C-alpha atoms as a PDB file:
ATOM      1  CA  MET A   1     -12.460  25.579  11.568  1.00  0.00           C
ATOM      2  CA  ARG A   2      -8.821  24.729  11.326  1.00  0.00           C
ATOM      3  CA  HIS A   3      -7.980  22.260   8.635  1.00  0.00           C
ATOM      4  CA  GLU A   4      -5.514  20.814   6.235  1.00  0.00           C
ATOM      5  CA  ALA A   5      -6.508  19.659   3.006  1.00  0.00           C
ATOM      6  CA  PHE A   6      -5.183  16.716   1.190  1.00  0.00           C
ATOM      7  CA  ALA A   7      -4.628  15.704  -2.526  1.00  0.00           C
ATOM      8  CA  PRO A   8      -6.458  13.993  -4.018  1.00  0.00           C
ATOM      9  CA  ILE A   9      -9.302  14.452  -1.645  1.00  0.00           C
ATOM     10  CA  GLY A  10     -10.007  14.829   1.864  1.00  0.00           C
ATOM     11  CA  ALA A  11      -8.762  17.121   4.776  1.00  0.00           C
ATOM     12  CA  GLY A  12      -7.815  16.635   8.278  1.00  0.00           C
ATOM     13  CA  VAL A  13      -9.410  18.218  11.298  1.00  0.00           C
ATOM     14  CA  ASP A  14      -7.894  18.801  14.846  1.00  0.00           C
ATOM     15  CA  ASP A  15      -9.636  21.478  16.685  1.00  0.00           C
ATOM     16  CA  VAL A  16     -12.997  19.726  16.915  1.00  0.00           C
ATOM     17  CA  HIS A  17     -13.871  17.159  19.717  1.00  0.00           C
ATOM     18  CA  VAL A  18     -16.348  14.587  18.688  1.00  0.00           C
ATOM     19  CA  GLY A  19     -19.577  14.615  20.329  1.00  0.00           C
ATOM     20  CA  CYS A  20     -22.478  17.052  20.638  1.00  0.00           C
ATOM     21  CA  LEU A  21     -21.408  19.745  18.690  1.00  0.00           C
ATOM     22  CA  GLY A  22     -22.921  23.068  18.203  1.00  0.00           C
ATOM     23  CA  SER A  23     -25.229  23.959  15.100  1.00  0.00           C
ATOM     24  CA  HIS A  24     -22.385  26.456  13.807  1.00  0.00           C
ATOM     25  CA  GLU A  25     -19.696  23.811  14.106  1.00  0.00           C
ATOM     26  CA  ILE A  26     -21.944  21.140  12.577  1.00  0.00           C
ATOM     27  CA  ALA A  27     -22.740  23.198   9.195  1.00  0.00           C
ATOM     28  CA  GLU A  28     -18.965  24.099   8.931  1.00  0.00           C
ATOM     29  CA  LEU A  29     -18.654  20.527   9.005  1.00  0.00           C
ATOM     30  CA  ARG A  30     -21.187  19.811   6.617  1.00  0.00           C
ATOM     31  CA  ARG A  31     -19.526  22.750   4.373  1.00  0.00           C
ATOM     32  CA  LEU A  32     -16.148  20.737   4.810  1.00  0.00           C
ATOM     33  CA  LEU A  33     -17.435  17.123   3.632  1.00  0.00           C
ATOM     34  CA  ALA A  34     -19.516  18.912   0.677  1.00  0.00           C
ATOM     35  CA  GLU A  35     -15.918  20.457  -0.611  1.00  0.00           C
ATOM     36  CA  HIS A  36     -13.362  17.887   0.666  1.00  0.00           C
ATOM     37  CA  GLY A  37     -15.521  14.646   0.634  1.00  0.00           C
ATOM     38  CA  VAL A  38     -13.409  13.163   3.473  1.00  0.00           C
ATOM     39  CA  LEU A  39     -12.573  14.216   7.151  1.00  0.00           C
ATOM     40  CA  VAL A  40     -10.116  13.169   9.299  1.00  0.00           C
ATOM     41  CA  ILE A  41     -10.575  14.410  12.997  1.00  0.00           C
ATOM     42  CA  ARG A  42      -7.462  13.143  14.797  1.00  0.00           C
ATOM     43  CA  SER A  43      -6.942  12.467  18.745  1.00  0.00           C
ATOM     44  CA  GLN A  44     -10.235  11.676  19.615  1.00  0.00           C
ATOM     45  CA  ASN A  45     -10.585   9.644  22.404  1.00  0.00           C
ATOM     46  CA  ILE A  46     -14.360   9.111  22.965  1.00  0.00           C
ATOM     47  CA  ASP A  47     -16.816   5.882  23.681  1.00  0.00           C
ATOM     48  CA  ASP A  48     -19.373   5.000  21.400  1.00  0.00           C
ATOM     49  CA  VAL A  49     -21.738   7.384  23.385  1.00  0.00           C
ATOM     50  CA  GLU A  50     -19.640  10.620  22.408  1.00  0.00           C
ATOM     51  CA  PHE A  51     -19.436   8.935  18.643  1.00  0.00           C
ATOM     52  CA  VAL A  52     -23.439   8.065  18.498  1.00  0.00           C
ATOM     53  CA  SER A  53     -23.918  11.893  19.844  1.00  0.00           C
ATOM     54  CA  PHE A  54     -21.753  13.022  17.520  1.00  0.00           C
ATOM     55  CA  LEU A  55     -23.512  11.128  14.555  1.00  0.00           C
ATOM     56  CA  ARG A  56     -27.046  12.338  15.161  1.00  0.00           C
ATOM     57  CA  CYS A  57     -26.030  15.955  15.162  1.00  0.00           C
ATOM     58  CA  PHE A  58     -26.137  15.315  11.691  1.00  0.00           C
ATOM     59  CA  GLY A  59     -29.205  13.298  11.349  1.00  0.00           C
ATOM     60  CA  ASP A  60     -31.240  10.318  12.032  1.00  0.00           C
ATOM     61  CA  LEU A  61     -29.134   7.465  11.830  1.00  0.00           C
ATOM     62  CA  VAL A  62     -29.776   4.441   9.545  1.00  0.00           C
ATOM     63  CA  PHE A  63     -28.398   0.598  10.016  1.00  0.00           C
ATOM     64  CA  THR A  64     -27.697  -1.991   7.481  1.00  0.00           C
ATOM     65  CA  GLU A  65     -29.822  -4.595   8.344  1.00  0.00           C
ATOM     66  CA  GLY A  66     -27.315  -8.145   7.793  1.00  0.00           C
ATOM     67  CA  GLU A  67     -24.373  -6.504   9.165  1.00  0.00           C
ATOM     68  CA  THR A  68     -23.043  -7.382  13.202  1.00  0.00           C
ATOM     69  CA  PRO A  69     -24.408  -4.588  15.465  1.00  0.00           C
ATOM     70  CA  VAL A  70     -22.097  -3.278  18.046  1.00  0.00           C
ATOM     71  CA  ASP A  71     -23.000  -4.704  21.493  1.00  0.00           C
ATOM     72  CA  GLY A  72     -25.325  -2.499  23.125  1.00  0.00           C
ATOM     73  CA  TYR A  73     -25.339   0.101  20.609  1.00  0.00           C
ATOM     74  CA  SER A  74     -27.725  -0.826  17.706  1.00  0.00           C
ATOM     75  CA  ASP A  75     -27.043   2.362  15.347  1.00  0.00           C
ATOM     76  CA  LEU A  76     -23.368   1.083  15.009  1.00  0.00           C
ATOM     77  CA  ASN A  77     -22.241  -2.035  13.337  1.00  0.00           C
ATOM     78  CA  VAL A  78     -18.761  -3.565  13.617  1.00  0.00           C
ATOM     79  CA  ILE A  79     -16.174  -4.054  11.087  1.00  0.00           C
ATOM     80  CA  SER A  80     -13.490  -6.556  12.221  1.00  0.00           C
ATOM     81  CA  ASN A  81     -10.781  -9.111  11.241  1.00  0.00           C
ATOM     82  CA  VAL A  82     -10.626 -10.645  14.578  1.00  0.00           C
ATOM     83  CA  GLY A  83     -11.339 -14.370  14.617  1.00  0.00           C
ATOM     84  CA  ARG A  84     -10.978 -14.671  10.691  1.00  0.00           C
ATOM     85  CA  LYS A  85      -9.178 -17.119   8.601  1.00  0.00           C
ATOM     86  CA  THR A  86      -9.325 -15.155   5.852  1.00  0.00           C
ATOM     87  CA  PRO A  87      -9.171 -11.288   5.263  1.00  0.00           C
ATOM     88  CA  PRO A  88     -12.565  -9.602   4.449  1.00  0.00           C
ATOM     89  CA  LYS A  89     -13.419  -8.690   1.046  1.00  0.00           C
ATOM     90  CA  SER A  90     -13.778  -5.236   0.009  1.00  0.00           C
ATOM     91  CA  THR A  91     -14.312  -3.347  -3.379  1.00  0.00           C
ATOM     92  CA  PHE A  92     -14.821   0.309  -4.132  1.00  0.00           C
ATOM     93  CA  HIS A  93     -18.337   1.214  -3.192  1.00  0.00           C
ATOM     94  CA  VAL A  94     -20.550   3.635  -1.823  1.00  0.00           C
ATOM     95  CA  ASP A  95     -22.793   2.206   0.991  1.00  0.00           C
ATOM     96  CA  THR A  96     -26.398   0.664   1.053  1.00  0.00           C
ATOM     97  CA  THR A  97     -26.917   2.502  -2.665  1.00  0.00           C
ATOM     98  CA  TYR A  98     -29.571  -0.228  -2.962  1.00  0.00           C
ATOM     99  CA  VAL A  99     -32.284   1.613  -1.229  1.00  0.00           C
ATOM    100  CA  ARG A 100     -34.420   4.704  -2.271  1.00  0.00           C
ATOM    101  CA  HIS A 101     -32.422   7.537   0.304  1.00  0.00           C
ATOM    102  CA  PRO A 102     -28.869   6.034   0.896  1.00  0.00           C
ATOM    103  CA  PRO A 103     -26.967   7.550   3.887  1.00  0.00           C
ATOM    104  CA  ALA A 104     -25.577  10.919   2.946  1.00  0.00           C
ATOM    105  CA  TYR A 105     -22.566  10.455   5.456  1.00  0.00           C
ATOM    106  CA  THR A 106     -20.585   7.140   6.857  1.00  0.00           C
ATOM    107  CA  ALA A 107     -18.149   7.647  10.066  1.00  0.00           C
ATOM    108  CA  LEU A 108     -15.874   4.933  11.718  1.00  0.00           C
ATOM    109  CA  ARG A 109     -14.300   5.046  14.568  1.00  0.00           C
ATOM    110  CA  ALA A 110     -10.976   3.312  15.280  1.00  0.00           C
ATOM    111  CA  VAL A 111     -11.155   0.909  18.019  1.00  0.00           C
ATOM    112  CA  GLU A 112      -8.244  -1.444  17.077  1.00  0.00           C
ATOM    113  CA  VAL A 113      -5.612  -0.050  15.125  1.00  0.00           C
ATOM    114  CA  PRO A 114      -3.081  -2.970  13.568  1.00  0.00           C
ATOM    115  CA  ALA A 115       0.328  -2.789  13.529  1.00  0.00           C
ATOM    116  CA  ALA A 116       0.727  -2.486   9.896  1.00  0.00           C
ATOM    117  CA  GLY A 117      -1.727  -2.630   7.525  1.00  0.00           C
ATOM    118  CA  GLY A 118      -5.639  -2.039   6.834  1.00  0.00           C
ATOM    119  CA  GLN A 119      -5.377   1.421   5.218  1.00  0.00           C
ATOM    120  CA  THR A 120      -8.967   2.862   3.992  1.00  0.00           C
ATOM    121  CA  LEU A 121      -8.869   4.344   0.215  1.00  0.00           C
ATOM    122  CA  PHE A 122     -11.508   7.296  -0.773  1.00  0.00           C
ATOM    123  CA  SER A 123     -11.797   8.194  -4.109  1.00  0.00           C
ATOM    124  CA  ASN A 124     -12.765  11.824  -5.531  1.00  0.00           C
ATOM    125  CA  GLN A 125     -16.105  11.383  -7.634  1.00  0.00           C
ATOM    126  CA  TYR A 126     -15.958  15.165  -8.324  1.00  0.00           C
ATOM    127  CA  ARG A 127     -12.896  14.974  -9.885  1.00  0.00           C
ATOM    128  CA  ALA A 128     -13.984  11.722 -11.510  1.00  0.00           C
ATOM    129  CA  TYR A 129     -17.163  13.063 -13.219  1.00  0.00           C
ATOM    130  CA  ALA A 130     -15.006  16.330 -14.248  1.00  0.00           C
ATOM    131  CA  THR A 131     -11.654  14.355 -15.870  1.00  0.00           C
ATOM    132  CA  LEU A 132     -14.027  12.510 -18.593  1.00  0.00           C
ATOM    133  CA  PRO A 133     -14.484  12.807 -21.879  1.00  0.00           C
ATOM    134  CA  ALA A 134     -17.042  15.322 -23.223  1.00  0.00           C
ATOM    135  CA  ALA A 135     -18.575  12.795 -25.001  1.00  0.00           C
ATOM    136  CA  ASP A 136     -18.867  10.588 -21.846  1.00  0.00           C
ATOM    137  CA  ARG A 137     -19.980  13.381 -19.601  1.00  0.00           C
ATOM    138  CA  SER A 138     -22.845  14.312 -21.691  1.00  0.00           C
ATOM    139  CA  PHE A 139     -24.046  10.781 -21.500  1.00  0.00           C
ATOM    140  CA  VAL A 140     -23.564   9.772 -18.082  1.00  0.00           C
ATOM    141  CA  ASP A 141     -25.903  13.781 -17.482  1.00  0.00           C
ATOM    142  CA  ARG A 142     -28.776  11.761 -18.985  1.00  0.00           C
ATOM    143  CA  ARG A 143     -28.267   8.093 -17.261  1.00  0.00           C
ATOM    144  CA  LYS A 144     -29.891   6.213 -14.401  1.00  0.00           C
ATOM    145  CA  VAL A 145     -28.389   3.305 -12.772  1.00  0.00           C
ATOM    146  CA  THR A 146     -30.293  -0.102 -10.757  1.00  0.00           C
ATOM    147  CA  HIS A 147     -28.344  -0.587  -7.758  1.00  0.00           C
ATOM    148  CA  ARG A 148     -28.559  -3.885  -5.760  1.00  0.00           C
ATOM    149  CA  VAL A 149     -28.097  -5.281  -2.454  1.00  0.00           C
ATOM    150  CA  THR A 150     -25.144  -7.764  -2.557  1.00  0.00           C
ATOM    151  CA  GLY A 151     -23.151  -9.681   0.322  1.00  0.00           C
ATOM    152  CA  LEU A 152     -25.841  -9.622   2.659  1.00  0.00           C
ATOM    153  CA  ALA A 153     -27.238 -13.797   3.488  1.00  0.00           C
ATOM    154  CA  GLY A 154     -31.038 -13.480   2.697  1.00  0.00           C
ATOM    155  CA  MET A 155     -31.211  -9.413   1.951  1.00  0.00           C
ATOM    156  CA  ASP A 156     -32.779  -8.343  -1.403  1.00  0.00           C
ATOM    157  CA  GLY A 157     -33.617  -4.775  -2.538  1.00  0.00           C
ATOM    158  CA  SER A 158     -33.077  -2.318  -5.360  1.00  0.00           C
ATOM    159  CA  ALA A 159     -32.950   0.945  -6.289  1.00  0.00           C
ATOM    160  CA  VAL A 160     -32.670   3.191  -9.116  1.00  0.00           C
ATOM    161  CA  HIS A 161     -30.254   6.837  -8.861  1.00  0.00           C
ATOM    162  CA  PRO A 162     -28.815   9.234 -11.180  1.00  0.00           C
ATOM    163  CA  LEU A 163     -25.268   7.932 -12.142  1.00  0.00           C
ATOM    164  CA  VAL A 164     -24.485  12.107 -11.618  1.00  0.00           C
ATOM    165  CA  LEU A 165     -25.478  13.926  -8.316  1.00  0.00           C
ATOM    166  CA  LYS A 166     -25.229  17.389  -8.243  1.00  0.00           C
ATOM    167  CA  HIS A 167     -24.617  17.899  -4.222  1.00  0.00           C
ATOM    168  CA  PRO A 168     -27.009  20.221  -2.795  1.00  0.00           C
ATOM    169  CA  LEU A 169     -24.207  22.030  -0.619  1.00  0.00           C
ATOM    170  CA  SER A 170     -21.344  22.316  -2.975  1.00  0.00           C
ATOM    171  CA  HIS A 171     -23.329  22.377  -6.119  1.00  0.00           C
ATOM    172  CA  GLN A 172     -20.447  20.462  -8.284  1.00  0.00           C
ATOM    173  CA  LYS A 173     -21.545  17.184 -10.013  1.00  0.00           C
ATOM    174  CA  SER A 174     -19.853  13.883  -9.137  1.00  0.00           C
ATOM    175  CA  LEU A 175     -20.079  10.046 -10.523  1.00  0.00           C
ATOM    176  CA  TYR A 176     -22.598   8.706  -8.397  1.00  0.00           C
ATOM    177  CA  LEU A 177     -21.215   4.665  -8.425  1.00  0.00           C
ATOM    178  CA  SER A 178     -20.650   1.406  -6.305  1.00  0.00           C
ATOM    179  CA  ALA A 179     -19.033  -1.960  -6.860  1.00  0.00           C
ATOM    180  CA  PRO A 180     -19.632  -3.127 -10.268  1.00  0.00           C
ATOM    181  CA  ALA A 181     -21.441  -6.343  -9.108  1.00  0.00           C
ATOM    182  CA  ARG A 182     -24.154  -3.690  -7.341  1.00  0.00           C
ATOM    183  CA  CYS A 183     -24.664  -1.868 -10.599  1.00  0.00           C
ATOM    184  CA  VAL A 184     -26.783  -3.845 -12.562  1.00  0.00           C
ATOM    185  CA  ALA A 185     -28.451  -1.792 -15.049  1.00  0.00           C
ATOM    186  CA  VAL A 186     -27.754   1.362 -16.836  1.00  0.00           C
ATOM    187  CA  SER A 187     -30.715   3.424 -18.670  1.00  0.00           C
ATOM    188  CA  GLY A 188     -31.016   3.139 -22.336  1.00  0.00           C
ATOM    189  CA  MET A 189     -27.722   0.252 -22.369  1.00  0.00           C
ATOM    190  CA  SER A 190     -28.044  -3.376 -22.958  1.00  0.00           C
ATOM    191  CA  GLU A 191     -27.173  -5.639 -19.984  1.00  0.00           C
ATOM    192  CA  SER A 192     -23.619  -6.656 -21.647  1.00  0.00           C
ATOM    193  CA  ASP A 193     -23.280  -2.311 -22.387  1.00  0.00           C
ATOM    194  CA  GLY A 194     -24.337  -0.964 -19.440  1.00  0.00           C
ATOM    195  CA  ALA A 195     -22.088  -3.640 -16.917  1.00  0.00           C
ATOM    196  CA  GLU A 196     -18.818  -2.766 -19.568  1.00  0.00           C
ATOM    197  CA  PHE A 197     -20.005   0.761 -19.025  1.00  0.00           C
ATOM    198  CA  ILE A 198     -20.015   0.879 -15.305  1.00  0.00           C
ATOM    199  CA  GLU A 199     -16.909  -1.156 -15.417  1.00  0.00           C
ATOM    200  CA  TYR A 200     -14.734   1.320 -17.123  1.00  0.00           C
ATOM    201  CA  LEU A 201     -16.107   4.361 -14.872  1.00  0.00           C
ATOM    202  CA  VAL A 202     -15.390   2.611 -11.377  1.00  0.00           C
ATOM    203  CA  ASP A 203     -11.816   1.905 -13.497  1.00  0.00           C
ATOM    204  CA  HIS A 204     -11.741   5.431 -14.346  1.00  0.00           C
ATOM    205  CA  SER A 205     -12.776   6.846 -10.575  1.00  0.00           C
ATOM    206  CA  THR A 206     -10.154   4.211  -8.764  1.00  0.00           C
ATOM    207  CA  ARG A 207      -7.123   5.554 -10.355  1.00  0.00           C
ATOM    208  CA  GLU A 208      -4.128   6.095  -8.197  1.00  0.00           C
ATOM    209  CA  PRO A 209      -3.886   9.725  -8.772  1.00  0.00           C
ATOM    210  CA  ASN A 210      -7.798  10.267  -7.768  1.00  0.00           C
ATOM    211  CA  VAL A 211      -7.699   7.932  -4.548  1.00  0.00           C
ATOM    212  CA  TYR A 212      -6.671   8.724  -0.495  1.00  0.00           C
ATOM    213  CA  ARG A 213      -5.081   6.015   1.065  1.00  0.00           C
ATOM    214  CA  HIS A 214      -5.392   6.805   5.022  1.00  0.00           C
ATOM    215  CA  SER A 215      -3.513   5.223   7.351  1.00  0.00           C
ATOM    216  CA  TRP A 216      -5.366   4.714  11.027  1.00  0.00           C
ATOM    217  CA  SER A 217      -3.627   6.194  13.806  1.00  0.00           C
ATOM    218  CA  PRO A 218      -5.313   5.213  17.729  1.00  0.00           C
ATOM    219  CA  GLY A 219      -8.085   7.818  18.102  1.00  0.00           C
ATOM    220  CA  ASP A 220      -8.815   8.456  14.227  1.00  0.00           C
ATOM    221  CA  VAL A 221     -12.464   9.129  13.830  1.00  0.00           C
ATOM    222  CA  VAL A 222     -13.181   9.531   9.880  1.00  0.00           C
ATOM    223  CA  MET A 223     -16.477  10.533   8.415  1.00  0.00           C
ATOM    224  CA  TRP A 224     -17.097  10.838   4.589  1.00  0.00           C
ATOM    225  CA  ASP A 225     -19.823  12.074   2.367  1.00  0.00           C
ATOM    226  CA  ASN A 226     -21.377   9.434   0.168  1.00  0.00           C
ATOM    227  CA  ARG A 227     -22.159  11.883  -2.486  1.00  0.00           C
ATOM    228  CA  CYS A 228     -19.422  12.448  -3.834  1.00  0.00           C
ATOM    229  CA  VAL A 229     -16.870   9.522  -2.669  1.00  0.00           C
ATOM    230  CA  MET A 230     -16.689   5.788  -2.896  1.00  0.00           C
ATOM    231  CA  HIS A 231     -14.699   4.262  -0.336  1.00  0.00           C
ATOM    232  CA  LYS A 232     -12.914   0.498  -0.080  1.00  0.00           C
ATOM    233  CA  ALA A 233     -10.945  -0.958   2.863  1.00  0.00           C
ATOM    234  CA  ASP A 234      -7.523  -2.502   2.041  1.00  0.00           C
ATOM    235  CA  HIS A 235      -7.002  -5.850   4.003  1.00  0.00           C
ATOM    236  CA  SER A 236      -3.633  -6.946   2.481  1.00  0.00           C
ATOM    237  CA  GLY A 237      -0.823  -7.090   4.787  1.00  0.00           C
ATOM    238  CA  VAL A 238      -2.705  -6.561   7.886  1.00  0.00           C
ATOM    239  CA  VAL A 239      -0.815  -7.092  10.710  1.00  0.00           C
ATOM    240  CA  GLY A 240      -2.692  -7.249  14.050  1.00  0.00           C
ATOM    241  CA  ASP A 241      -6.180  -6.684  15.279  1.00  0.00           C
ATOM    242  CA  ARG A 242      -8.337  -4.193  12.876  1.00  0.00           C
ATOM    243  CA  VAL A 243     -11.530  -3.096  14.940  1.00  0.00           C
ATOM    244  CA  MET A 244     -13.648  -0.464  13.159  1.00  0.00           C
ATOM    245  CA  HIS A 245     -17.218   1.257  14.773  1.00  0.00           C
ATOM    246  CA  ARG A 246     -19.135   2.665  12.146  1.00  0.00           C
ATOM    247  CA  GLY A 247     -22.183   4.668  12.088  1.00  0.00           C
ATOM    248  CA  MET A 248     -24.803   6.105   9.130  1.00  0.00           C
ATOM    249  CA  VAL A 249     -26.820   9.336   8.739  1.00  0.00           C
ATOM    250  CA  ALA A 250     -29.875   9.284   6.591  1.00  0.00           C
ATOM    251  CA  GLY A 251     -29.831  11.453   2.957  1.00  0.00           C
ATOM    252  CA  GLY A 252     -32.706  13.468   2.229  1.00  0.00           C
END
């Protein structure tokens, strides 16, 4: 499968048509996702039927309760600035980490691309782990973090996950974080020390040299591996409508 690696994370794929793919193609996409974290699949003139078919090749779909579903497609949710008086808020995070088995993959289909702005940012969590001082790597290897739901009215929930994950395909270690407001406790640390440490780790992970900024084009489908990537949308300076349809694939 032809692909072009980006720096410091991600790769572009040009010779795939999103839809129901064969097992060999899916295995190769899984391998590329594990290696590169993010795949940009360009020039996909597809609808939500094909998008859902593509996602189901990777496993069962999951939906975050409290999000806005796509009309007629209950497994997808819509992300849009249309009709909003203020831009949506976004910080670096991993999707739905407050459940025992968070989604392994997330994908966005560009429905409407703004004339300017609206990038999505991705951090390389393999590199974030590898570039920590040795003492910090030893420390985080032994820690767990309690993740709690935020930003969804009427929702409550939490789950405990290791602070370091070893990816089942790449076998590389990554820092497994989410937004600091969602990481409410670190094992073996006081509440204040844990909060300060999470802020340090997120700042370390999201330094500009460790981040790929994706500028959207019509027809883009972008998929990423939540086990080795954090992401956020940049809603500053957006000119025009920005509409994305999102789907998530269950983790093991």
